N, C-alpha and C. Protein backbone atom coordinates (compact mmCIF):
# COMPACT_ATOMS: atom_id res chain seq x y z
N MET A 1 16.96 13.64 9.60
CA MET A 1 15.55 13.45 10.06
C MET A 1 15.02 12.20 9.34
N LYS A 2 14.35 11.35 10.15
CA LYS A 2 13.80 10.09 9.63
C LYS A 2 12.45 10.40 8.90
N LYS A 3 12.37 9.75 7.72
CA LYS A 3 11.17 9.88 6.92
C LYS A 3 10.10 8.96 7.39
N ASN A 4 8.88 9.35 7.50
CA ASN A 4 7.72 8.51 7.91
C ASN A 4 6.78 8.45 6.76
N ILE A 5 6.39 7.20 6.40
CA ILE A 5 5.42 7.06 5.25
C ILE A 5 4.37 6.06 5.69
N THR A 6 3.25 6.14 4.98
CA THR A 6 2.18 5.13 5.11
C THR A 6 2.39 4.15 4.05
N ALA A 7 2.52 2.89 4.42
CA ALA A 7 2.70 1.76 3.46
C ALA A 7 1.32 1.35 2.86
N LYS A 8 1.23 1.42 1.59
CA LYS A 8 -0.05 1.06 0.88
C LYS A 8 0.14 -0.18 0.04
N THR A 9 1.29 -0.37 -0.51
CA THR A 9 1.60 -1.58 -1.31
C THR A 9 2.85 -2.20 -0.81
N PHE A 10 2.92 -3.53 -0.94
CA PHE A 10 4.09 -4.29 -0.52
C PHE A 10 4.45 -5.22 -1.74
N THR A 11 5.75 -5.05 -2.25
CA THR A 11 6.16 -5.85 -3.35
C THR A 11 7.49 -6.48 -2.99
N PRO A 12 7.55 -7.71 -2.68
CA PRO A 12 8.82 -8.41 -2.40
C PRO A 12 9.41 -9.07 -3.61
N ILE A 13 10.63 -8.90 -3.81
CA ILE A 13 11.39 -9.66 -4.86
C ILE A 13 12.72 -10.01 -4.33
N TYR A 14 13.24 -11.11 -4.90
CA TYR A 14 14.58 -11.59 -4.50
C TYR A 14 15.60 -10.82 -5.41
N ASP A 15 16.57 -10.16 -4.77
CA ASP A 15 17.60 -9.47 -5.43
C ASP A 15 18.80 -10.38 -5.48
N GLU A 16 19.04 -10.99 -6.65
CA GLU A 16 20.14 -11.95 -6.75
C GLU A 16 21.53 -11.40 -6.53
N LEU A 17 21.73 -10.15 -6.97
CA LEU A 17 23.03 -9.51 -6.82
C LEU A 17 23.33 -9.25 -5.35
N GLU A 18 22.40 -8.80 -4.62
CA GLU A 18 22.56 -8.55 -3.20
C GLU A 18 22.36 -9.79 -2.32
N ASP A 19 21.75 -10.87 -2.94
CA ASP A 19 21.34 -12.07 -2.14
C ASP A 19 20.52 -11.75 -0.95
N ARG A 20 19.55 -10.84 -1.23
CA ARG A 20 18.57 -10.41 -0.17
C ARG A 20 17.22 -10.26 -0.82
N LEU A 21 16.22 -10.26 0.10
CA LEU A 21 14.91 -9.90 -0.37
C LEU A 21 14.82 -8.36 -0.40
N ARG A 22 14.20 -7.87 -1.40
CA ARG A 22 13.92 -6.43 -1.56
C ARG A 22 12.41 -6.28 -1.29
N LEU A 23 12.00 -5.61 -0.25
CA LEU A 23 10.62 -5.35 -0.05
C LEU A 23 10.37 -3.90 -0.38
N VAL A 24 9.68 -3.69 -1.54
CA VAL A 24 9.42 -2.37 -2.06
C VAL A 24 8.05 -1.93 -1.55
N ILE A 25 8.08 -0.81 -0.78
CA ILE A 25 6.89 -0.22 -0.29
C ILE A 25 6.48 0.89 -1.17
N ASN A 26 5.19 0.89 -1.56
CA ASN A 26 4.64 1.98 -2.46
C ASN A 26 5.45 2.13 -3.74
N TYR A 27 5.59 1.05 -4.46
CA TYR A 27 6.49 1.11 -5.67
C TYR A 27 6.10 2.07 -6.69
N GLN A 28 4.86 2.49 -6.82
CA GLN A 28 4.45 3.46 -7.89
C GLN A 28 4.45 4.88 -7.38
N ASP A 29 4.70 5.13 -6.14
CA ASP A 29 4.67 6.48 -5.56
C ASP A 29 6.12 6.91 -5.25
N ILE A 30 6.75 7.59 -6.13
CA ILE A 30 8.17 8.03 -5.97
C ILE A 30 8.41 8.83 -4.68
N TYR A 31 7.47 9.57 -4.20
CA TYR A 31 7.66 10.40 -3.02
C TYR A 31 7.49 9.63 -1.75
N ASN A 32 6.82 8.46 -1.80
CA ASN A 32 6.60 7.67 -0.64
C ASN A 32 7.06 6.22 -0.81
N ARG A 33 7.95 6.07 -1.65
CA ARG A 33 8.57 4.72 -1.93
C ARG A 33 9.79 4.49 -1.06
N VAL A 34 9.91 3.24 -0.60
CA VAL A 34 11.18 2.85 0.05
C VAL A 34 11.48 1.38 -0.38
N ASP A 35 12.74 1.11 -0.62
CA ASP A 35 13.17 -0.25 -0.95
C ASP A 35 13.93 -0.82 0.25
N PHE A 36 13.20 -1.58 1.06
CA PHE A 36 13.85 -2.21 2.19
C PHE A 36 14.56 -3.50 1.77
N MET A 37 15.77 -3.68 2.21
CA MET A 37 16.55 -4.87 1.89
C MET A 37 16.50 -5.75 3.12
N ILE A 38 16.15 -7.01 3.00
CA ILE A 38 15.98 -7.92 4.08
C ILE A 38 16.96 -9.06 3.98
N THR A 39 17.81 -9.24 5.02
CA THR A 39 18.82 -10.20 5.01
C THR A 39 18.17 -11.57 5.28
N ARG A 40 18.86 -12.64 4.92
CA ARG A 40 18.38 -14.03 5.17
C ARG A 40 18.17 -14.18 6.65
N ASN A 41 19.15 -13.72 7.51
CA ASN A 41 19.08 -13.88 8.92
C ASN A 41 17.75 -13.20 9.48
N PHE A 42 17.51 -12.05 8.93
CA PHE A 42 16.39 -11.28 9.45
C PHE A 42 15.07 -12.00 9.10
N ILE A 43 15.01 -12.52 7.86
CA ILE A 43 13.80 -13.34 7.45
C ILE A 43 13.64 -14.57 8.36
N LEU A 44 14.74 -15.23 8.67
CA LEU A 44 14.65 -16.43 9.47
C LEU A 44 14.09 -16.10 10.86
N ASN A 45 14.27 -14.92 11.37
CA ASN A 45 13.69 -14.52 12.62
C ASN A 45 12.33 -13.89 12.53
N LEU A 46 12.10 -13.16 11.42
CA LEU A 46 10.81 -12.42 11.22
C LEU A 46 9.67 -13.43 10.89
N ILE A 47 9.78 -14.36 10.10
CA ILE A 47 8.63 -15.20 9.71
C ILE A 47 8.07 -15.97 10.87
N PRO A 48 8.91 -16.67 11.70
CA PRO A 48 8.33 -17.31 12.90
C PRO A 48 7.71 -16.34 13.88
N THR A 49 8.28 -15.20 14.07
CA THR A 49 7.72 -14.17 14.95
C THR A 49 6.39 -13.73 14.42
N ALA A 50 6.27 -13.44 13.12
CA ALA A 50 5.00 -13.04 12.55
C ALA A 50 3.91 -14.11 12.61
N GLU A 51 4.35 -15.34 12.42
CA GLU A 51 3.37 -16.47 12.54
C GLU A 51 2.90 -16.64 13.91
N GLU A 52 3.78 -16.48 14.87
CA GLU A 52 3.36 -16.54 16.29
C GLU A 52 2.36 -15.42 16.64
N PHE A 53 2.68 -14.25 16.14
CA PHE A 53 1.79 -13.07 16.38
C PHE A 53 0.38 -13.37 15.79
N MET A 54 0.36 -13.80 14.52
CA MET A 54 -0.85 -14.07 13.84
C MET A 54 -1.65 -15.19 14.59
N ALA A 55 -1.00 -16.20 15.01
CA ALA A 55 -1.67 -17.28 15.80
C ALA A 55 -2.33 -16.75 17.08
N ARG A 56 -1.62 -15.90 17.79
CA ARG A 56 -2.04 -15.42 19.04
C ARG A 56 -3.14 -14.41 18.91
N GLN A 57 -3.04 -13.55 17.95
CA GLN A 57 -4.04 -12.45 17.78
C GLN A 57 -5.23 -12.78 16.87
N TYR A 58 -4.99 -13.54 15.84
CA TYR A 58 -6.03 -13.84 14.84
C TYR A 58 -6.37 -15.27 14.70
N GLY A 59 -5.73 -16.18 15.41
CA GLY A 59 -6.01 -17.58 15.28
C GLY A 59 -5.57 -18.21 13.92
N ILE A 60 -4.65 -17.50 13.25
CA ILE A 60 -4.14 -17.98 11.95
C ILE A 60 -2.81 -18.67 12.25
N ALA A 61 -2.74 -20.00 12.03
CA ALA A 61 -1.53 -20.76 12.48
C ALA A 61 -0.47 -20.80 11.37
N ASP A 62 -0.78 -20.57 10.09
CA ASP A 62 0.18 -20.75 9.06
C ASP A 62 -0.21 -19.85 7.95
N PHE A 63 0.68 -19.06 7.38
CA PHE A 63 0.37 -18.17 6.29
C PHE A 63 -0.09 -18.96 5.01
N GLU A 64 0.45 -20.16 4.89
CA GLU A 64 0.07 -20.96 3.73
C GLU A 64 -1.33 -21.48 3.73
N THR A 65 -1.93 -21.59 4.91
CA THR A 65 -3.22 -22.14 5.09
C THR A 65 -4.28 -21.13 5.48
N THR A 66 -4.02 -19.90 5.31
CA THR A 66 -4.97 -18.83 5.70
C THR A 66 -6.23 -19.03 4.90
N PRO A 67 -7.41 -19.06 5.53
CA PRO A 67 -8.60 -19.23 4.73
C PRO A 67 -8.85 -17.98 3.91
N HIS A 68 -9.29 -18.25 2.69
CA HIS A 68 -9.49 -17.11 1.81
C HIS A 68 -10.89 -16.42 2.22
N ILE A 69 -10.84 -15.16 2.34
CA ILE A 69 -12.02 -14.35 2.68
C ILE A 69 -12.48 -13.62 1.41
N GLU A 70 -13.68 -13.84 1.02
CA GLU A 70 -14.22 -13.19 -0.17
C GLU A 70 -14.42 -11.74 0.09
N THR A 71 -13.86 -10.90 -0.81
CA THR A 71 -14.03 -9.44 -0.69
C THR A 71 -14.26 -8.95 -2.12
N ASN A 72 -14.87 -7.80 -2.17
CA ASN A 72 -15.14 -7.17 -3.46
C ASN A 72 -13.93 -6.48 -4.04
N ASP A 73 -13.00 -6.00 -3.13
CA ASP A 73 -11.82 -5.35 -3.68
C ASP A 73 -10.65 -6.36 -3.86
N LYS A 74 -9.75 -5.94 -4.72
CA LYS A 74 -8.55 -6.80 -4.98
C LYS A 74 -7.58 -6.57 -3.85
N THR A 75 -7.08 -7.70 -3.30
CA THR A 75 -6.16 -7.60 -2.23
C THR A 75 -4.72 -7.81 -2.80
N THR A 76 -4.54 -8.50 -3.90
CA THR A 76 -3.26 -8.56 -4.54
C THR A 76 -3.39 -8.32 -6.02
N SER A 77 -2.35 -7.79 -6.61
CA SER A 77 -2.38 -7.53 -8.07
C SER A 77 -1.02 -7.66 -8.60
N LYS A 78 -0.86 -7.74 -9.88
CA LYS A 78 0.38 -7.95 -10.55
C LYS A 78 1.18 -6.57 -10.54
N THR A 79 2.49 -6.74 -10.28
CA THR A 79 3.36 -5.59 -10.16
C THR A 79 3.73 -5.12 -11.57
N ASP A 80 3.73 -3.80 -11.84
CA ASP A 80 4.18 -3.28 -13.07
C ASP A 80 5.78 -3.20 -13.01
N SER A 81 6.44 -4.18 -13.66
CA SER A 81 7.86 -4.34 -13.56
C SER A 81 8.65 -3.04 -14.06
N VAL A 82 8.09 -2.35 -14.98
CA VAL A 82 8.73 -1.18 -15.51
C VAL A 82 8.81 -0.11 -14.40
N ASN A 83 7.69 0.17 -13.79
CA ASN A 83 7.69 1.17 -12.62
C ASN A 83 8.57 0.68 -11.53
N LEU A 84 8.59 -0.61 -11.24
CA LEU A 84 9.29 -1.16 -10.11
C LEU A 84 10.82 -0.80 -10.28
N GLU A 85 11.31 -0.95 -11.52
CA GLU A 85 12.75 -0.63 -11.71
C GLU A 85 13.00 0.85 -12.03
N LEU A 86 12.10 1.44 -12.75
CA LEU A 86 12.24 2.86 -13.17
C LEU A 86 12.28 3.80 -11.93
N LEU A 87 11.40 3.51 -10.97
CA LEU A 87 11.26 4.39 -9.81
C LEU A 87 12.14 3.93 -8.59
N ARG A 88 13.04 3.01 -8.87
CA ARG A 88 13.84 2.39 -7.77
C ARG A 88 14.59 3.46 -6.95
N THR A 89 14.56 3.21 -5.63
CA THR A 89 15.20 4.18 -4.75
C THR A 89 16.45 3.51 -4.11
N ASN A 90 17.19 4.25 -3.32
CA ASN A 90 18.38 3.66 -2.64
C ASN A 90 17.92 2.54 -1.72
N ASP A 91 18.75 1.52 -1.57
CA ASP A 91 18.44 0.39 -0.72
C ASP A 91 18.52 0.76 0.73
N ASP A 92 17.54 0.47 1.53
CA ASP A 92 17.54 0.68 3.00
C ASP A 92 17.46 -0.61 3.69
N LEU A 93 18.49 -0.88 4.55
CA LEU A 93 18.50 -2.12 5.24
C LEU A 93 17.40 -2.17 6.30
N LEU A 94 16.48 -3.15 6.23
CA LEU A 94 15.43 -3.26 7.21
C LEU A 94 16.02 -3.70 8.55
N LEU A 95 15.85 -2.89 9.57
CA LEU A 95 16.42 -3.16 10.91
C LEU A 95 15.43 -3.66 11.93
N GLU A 96 14.15 -3.25 11.78
CA GLU A 96 13.18 -3.57 12.80
C GLU A 96 11.78 -3.71 12.22
N VAL A 97 11.03 -4.62 12.78
CA VAL A 97 9.60 -4.79 12.40
C VAL A 97 8.80 -4.88 13.73
N ASN A 98 7.82 -4.08 13.84
CA ASN A 98 6.99 -4.16 15.08
C ASN A 98 5.52 -4.39 14.76
N PHE A 99 4.84 -5.10 15.55
CA PHE A 99 3.42 -5.38 15.41
C PHE A 99 2.74 -4.74 16.65
N SER A 100 1.77 -3.88 16.41
CA SER A 100 0.99 -3.29 17.53
C SER A 100 -0.48 -3.59 17.32
N TYR A 101 -0.97 -4.43 18.18
CA TYR A 101 -2.37 -4.92 17.99
C TYR A 101 -3.36 -4.10 18.81
N ASP A 102 -4.46 -3.72 18.19
CA ASP A 102 -5.59 -3.05 18.90
C ASP A 102 -6.69 -4.07 19.12
N GLN A 103 -6.86 -4.48 20.37
CA GLN A 103 -7.81 -5.50 20.76
C GLN A 103 -9.31 -5.12 20.38
N ASN A 104 -9.65 -3.82 20.54
CA ASN A 104 -10.95 -3.39 20.27
C ASN A 104 -11.34 -3.39 18.78
N LEU A 105 -10.36 -2.96 17.96
CA LEU A 105 -10.61 -2.91 16.51
C LEU A 105 -10.22 -4.16 15.78
N LYS A 106 -9.46 -5.06 16.49
CA LYS A 106 -8.96 -6.27 15.85
C LYS A 106 -8.09 -5.97 14.66
N ARG A 107 -7.27 -4.92 14.82
CA ARG A 107 -6.36 -4.51 13.71
C ARG A 107 -4.91 -4.38 14.27
N THR A 108 -3.97 -4.43 13.33
CA THR A 108 -2.53 -4.34 13.67
C THR A 108 -1.92 -3.19 12.92
N ILE A 109 -1.13 -2.45 13.65
CA ILE A 109 -0.20 -1.46 12.99
C ILE A 109 1.10 -2.17 12.80
N LEU A 110 1.43 -2.39 11.52
CA LEU A 110 2.72 -2.99 11.10
C LEU A 110 3.73 -1.85 10.87
N THR A 111 4.87 -1.87 11.61
CA THR A 111 5.84 -0.82 11.47
C THR A 111 7.17 -1.44 11.01
N LEU A 112 7.70 -0.95 9.84
CA LEU A 112 8.97 -1.43 9.33
C LEU A 112 9.95 -0.24 9.32
N SER A 113 11.10 -0.45 9.89
CA SER A 113 12.06 0.66 10.09
C SER A 113 13.45 0.34 9.60
N SER A 114 14.07 1.35 9.01
CA SER A 114 15.52 1.34 8.72
C SER A 114 16.13 2.53 9.41
N LYS A 115 17.34 2.88 9.11
CA LYS A 115 17.98 4.06 9.75
C LYS A 115 17.30 5.33 9.30
N SER A 116 16.85 5.35 8.07
CA SER A 116 16.33 6.60 7.51
C SER A 116 14.86 6.67 7.28
N THR A 117 14.14 5.50 7.34
CA THR A 117 12.70 5.49 7.01
C THR A 117 11.89 4.69 7.92
N THR A 118 10.72 5.04 8.19
CA THR A 118 9.70 4.26 8.95
C THR A 118 8.46 4.16 8.07
N ALA A 119 8.02 2.99 7.79
CA ALA A 119 6.76 2.75 7.07
C ALA A 119 5.75 2.07 7.96
N LYS A 120 4.51 2.59 7.94
CA LYS A 120 3.51 2.00 8.78
C LYS A 120 2.27 1.67 7.97
N ALA A 121 1.59 0.53 8.34
CA ALA A 121 0.38 0.17 7.66
C ALA A 121 -0.58 -0.29 8.81
N ASP A 122 -1.83 0.10 8.61
CA ASP A 122 -2.97 -0.36 9.52
C ASP A 122 -3.67 -1.47 8.77
N LEU A 123 -3.63 -2.68 9.39
CA LEU A 123 -4.11 -3.90 8.66
C LEU A 123 -4.97 -4.70 9.55
N ASP A 124 -5.93 -5.41 8.88
CA ASP A 124 -6.71 -6.44 9.58
C ASP A 124 -5.94 -7.79 9.45
N GLY A 125 -6.39 -8.77 10.10
CA GLY A 125 -5.67 -10.07 10.10
C GLY A 125 -5.49 -10.64 8.71
N PHE A 126 -6.49 -10.55 7.89
CA PHE A 126 -6.44 -11.09 6.52
C PHE A 126 -5.29 -10.45 5.73
N MET A 127 -5.34 -9.04 5.75
CA MET A 127 -4.27 -8.40 4.96
C MET A 127 -2.90 -8.57 5.48
N LEU A 128 -2.75 -8.64 6.79
CA LEU A 128 -1.42 -8.91 7.40
C LEU A 128 -0.97 -10.29 6.97
N SER A 129 -1.84 -11.21 6.93
CA SER A 129 -1.49 -12.54 6.52
C SER A 129 -1.13 -12.60 5.04
N GLN A 130 -1.87 -11.85 4.17
CA GLN A 130 -1.56 -11.77 2.78
C GLN A 130 -0.13 -11.15 2.53
N ILE A 131 0.20 -10.14 3.26
CA ILE A 131 1.49 -9.57 3.07
C ILE A 131 2.61 -10.55 3.38
N PHE A 132 2.46 -11.29 4.50
CA PHE A 132 3.52 -12.26 4.83
C PHE A 132 3.51 -13.53 3.86
N GLN A 133 2.30 -13.83 3.30
CA GLN A 133 2.30 -14.89 2.25
C GLN A 133 3.13 -14.51 1.08
N VAL A 134 2.96 -13.21 0.67
CA VAL A 134 3.64 -12.70 -0.51
C VAL A 134 5.14 -12.62 -0.25
N ILE A 135 5.49 -12.13 0.96
CA ILE A 135 6.92 -12.09 1.31
C ILE A 135 7.55 -13.45 1.31
N LYS A 136 6.86 -14.46 1.88
CA LYS A 136 7.38 -15.83 1.87
C LYS A 136 7.55 -16.36 0.48
N SER A 137 6.62 -15.96 -0.41
CA SER A 137 6.73 -16.51 -1.80
C SER A 137 7.96 -15.97 -2.52
N ALA A 138 8.58 -14.93 -2.05
CA ALA A 138 9.76 -14.35 -2.66
C ALA A 138 11.06 -15.01 -2.15
N ILE A 139 11.01 -15.77 -1.09
CA ILE A 139 12.18 -16.36 -0.50
C ILE A 139 12.83 -17.35 -1.43
N PRO A 140 14.14 -17.24 -1.75
CA PRO A 140 14.81 -18.25 -2.54
C PRO A 140 15.16 -19.50 -1.72
N TYR A 141 14.21 -20.36 -1.45
CA TYR A 141 14.34 -21.44 -0.46
C TYR A 141 15.53 -22.32 -0.68
N ILE A 142 15.68 -22.80 -1.93
CA ILE A 142 16.82 -23.77 -2.18
C ILE A 142 18.16 -23.00 -1.99
N ARG A 143 18.28 -21.82 -2.59
CA ARG A 143 19.52 -21.08 -2.54
C ARG A 143 19.95 -20.68 -1.15
N TRP A 144 18.93 -20.45 -0.29
CA TRP A 144 19.24 -20.04 1.13
C TRP A 144 19.21 -21.33 2.05
N GLY A 145 18.97 -22.48 1.45
CA GLY A 145 19.03 -23.68 2.31
C GLY A 145 17.93 -23.79 3.26
N ILE A 146 16.69 -23.32 2.85
CA ILE A 146 15.54 -23.23 3.70
C ILE A 146 14.46 -24.17 3.20
N SER A 147 13.84 -24.90 4.08
CA SER A 147 12.78 -25.83 3.67
C SER A 147 11.55 -25.03 3.12
N TYR A 148 10.86 -25.57 2.16
CA TYR A 148 9.65 -24.92 1.66
C TYR A 148 8.57 -24.90 2.74
N HIS A 149 8.72 -25.72 3.72
CA HIS A 149 7.70 -25.73 4.85
C HIS A 149 8.09 -24.84 6.02
N PHE A 150 9.07 -23.95 5.72
CA PHE A 150 9.53 -22.97 6.76
C PHE A 150 8.43 -22.03 7.09
């Protein structure tokens, strides 16, 4: 049976041993944590698709130039490295990412799936952009032979 979780936090790190990005969902919640492994090829397809979606639905053309929106709550915070490794789960290869946009609410359901787990998050355009900015920041550009302007 496939596990379904609500994604609340996104923590991407480069896993040098696996030569993949590790996208840790809910890193402090052992019962709802999943460590998605993302291959180089998957990232090369995902980032342009996500940028195209953001441009079409939110008018955001590039994650690097997303205008900062002032909010009272913190949208990003430093990861507790001890918990990140201590609560580590089995690696799940990320197989699919879907974007479902609600025109009336101007929100997106982001769905990340592996063979065993589906993680969903309900996000506005700013938060969706923030997640992909953070994911892009974990890409080992030189090692993977990717331009910083990717």
